[in-house]
């Protein structure tokens, strides 16, 4: 019997600092990096799947998206580079989960822009 890894098994909590200014050039650049990562419908779909599942996903993403494995891998790489998701190696596969602190940071930056 195979067990699905839990979020903490394959995606331990990040120690990355997602704090910072919410105004100014650095905040605008950070927001633009997040927005660029979310600038493709497939990446938005991947993020939505990870948010909805709220667990580590290792291979099932390809089954839920109308694109090839290599395309999913490219989009996962972009989301990981933007720090919106975390990924770890679990044997021969990569497992992914959302990075809640990054999503909160994106929301904070977006709300800051709306308030200006």
Protein backbone atom coordinates (compact mmCIF):
# COMPACT_ATOMS: atom_id res chain seq x y z
CA UNK A 1 0.00 0.00 0.00
CA UNK A 2 1.39 3.40 -1.01
CA UNK A 3 0.84 6.42 1.13
CA UNK A 4 0.65 9.97 -0.15
CA UNK A 5 3.37 12.13 1.40
CA UNK A 6 2.09 14.82 3.69
CA UNK A 7 2.91 18.50 3.25
CA UNK A 8 5.53 18.33 5.96
CA UNK A 9 7.08 15.16 4.50
CA UNK A 10 7.99 16.71 1.19
CA UNK A 11 7.62 20.45 1.71
CA UNK A 12 8.98 21.43 5.10
CA UNK A 13 8.16 24.95 6.26
CA UNK A 14 10.27 27.60 4.59
CA UNK A 15 12.64 29.73 6.61
CA UNK A 16 12.69 32.36 3.87
CA UNK A 17 11.89 35.93 4.90
CA UNK A 18 8.92 37.33 3.00
CA UNK A 19 8.80 40.63 4.84
CA UNK A 20 9.89 43.92 3.42
CA UNK A 21 8.72 47.33 2.41
CA UNK A 22 5.31 47.67 0.80
CA UNK A 23 6.12 50.97 -0.90
CA UNK A 24 8.87 52.09 -3.21
CA UNK A 25 10.85 50.64 -6.06
CA UNK A 26 11.88 47.40 -4.33
CA UNK A 27 8.25 46.60 -3.45
CA UNK A 28 7.15 47.36 -7.02
CA UNK A 29 9.84 45.09 -8.44
CA UNK A 30 8.89 42.31 -6.03
CA UNK A 31 5.22 42.65 -7.01
CA UNK A 32 6.17 42.59 -10.71
CA UNK A 33 8.13 39.35 -10.17
CA UNK A 34 5.08 37.71 -8.59
CA UNK A 35 2.80 39.07 -11.31
CA UNK A 36 5.11 37.83 -14.06
CA UNK A 37 5.11 34.34 -12.55
CA UNK A 38 1.30 34.43 -12.55
CA UNK A 39 1.19 35.82 -16.09
CA UNK A 40 0.30 32.51 -17.73
CA UNK A 41 -3.04 30.68 -17.35
CA UNK A 42 -1.34 27.32 -16.80
CA UNK A 43 0.69 28.70 -13.89
CA UNK A 44 -2.48 30.16 -12.37
CA UNK A 45 -4.15 26.77 -12.79
CA UNK A 46 -1.22 25.01 -11.11
CA UNK A 47 -1.31 27.42 -8.19
CA UNK A 48 -5.08 26.97 -7.85
CA UNK A 49 -4.73 23.17 -7.78
CA UNK A 50 -2.06 23.38 -5.08
CA UNK A 51 -4.13 25.84 -3.03
CA UNK A 52 -7.31 23.75 -3.36
CA UNK A 53 -5.55 20.51 -2.39
CA UNK A 54 -3.57 22.07 0.48
CA UNK A 55 -1.17 19.17 0.37
CA UNK A 56 1.99 18.07 -1.32
CA UNK A 57 1.47 16.99 -4.93
CA UNK A 58 4.04 14.80 -6.58
CA UNK A 59 2.84 13.77 -10.00
CA UNK A 60 -0.86 14.32 -10.30
CA UNK A 61 -0.59 17.81 -11.82
CA UNK A 62 -0.02 16.43 -15.30
CA UNK A 63 -3.24 14.44 -15.05
CA UNK A 64 -5.22 17.59 -14.23
CA UNK A 65 -3.83 19.89 -16.91
CA UNK A 66 -4.22 19.78 -20.70
CA UNK A 67 -0.47 20.15 -21.31
CA UNK A 68 2.54 17.85 -21.57
CA UNK A 69 4.75 16.87 -18.62
CA UNK A 70 7.61 18.99 -19.95
CA UNK A 71 5.34 22.05 -20.12
CA UNK A 72 4.10 21.49 -16.57
CA UNK A 73 7.73 21.20 -15.44
CA UNK A 74 8.60 24.53 -17.09
CA UNK A 75 5.68 26.26 -15.39
CA UNK A 76 6.53 24.71 -12.01
CA UNK A 77 10.08 26.00 -12.40
CA UNK A 78 8.79 29.56 -12.97
CA UNK A 79 6.50 29.38 -9.92
CA UNK A 80 9.33 28.02 -7.80
CA UNK A 81 11.73 30.74 -8.98
CA UNK A 82 9.11 33.31 -7.93
CA UNK A 83 8.96 31.57 -4.53
CA UNK A 84 5.20 30.99 -4.85
CA UNK A 85 5.65 27.24 -4.44
CA UNK A 86 8.16 24.93 -2.80
CA UNK A 87 9.45 21.72 -4.26
CA UNK A 88 11.53 18.88 -2.95
CA UNK A 89 12.85 15.62 -4.33
CA UNK A 90 10.99 12.52 -3.16
CA UNK A 91 12.88 9.60 -4.65
CA UNK A 92 12.64 9.81 -8.43
CA UNK A 93 10.04 12.59 -8.42
CA UNK A 94 9.58 16.20 -7.42
CA UNK A 95 6.83 17.12 -4.99
CA UNK A 96 5.30 20.60 -4.80
CA UNK A 97 3.19 22.63 -2.42
CA UNK A 98 2.24 26.28 -2.08
CA UNK A 99 4.36 28.76 -0.16
CA UNK A 100 1.74 30.44 2.06
CA UNK A 101 4.08 33.24 3.18
CA UNK A 102 4.75 34.22 -0.44
CA UNK A 103 1.03 34.28 -1.23
CA UNK A 104 0.44 36.52 1.79
CA UNK A 105 3.29 38.78 0.66
CA UNK A 106 1.83 39.02 -2.85
CA UNK A 107 -1.55 39.95 -1.38
CA UNK A 108 0.02 42.58 0.88
CA UNK A 109 1.87 44.15 -2.05
CA UNK A 110 -1.26 44.11 -4.20
CA UNK A 111 -3.34 45.75 -1.45
CA UNK A 112 -0.61 48.37 -1.02
CA UNK A 113 -0.90 49.28 -4.69
CA UNK A 114 -4.67 49.58 -4.40
CA UNK A 115 -4.35 51.97 -1.46
CA UNK A 116 -2.07 54.38 -3.32
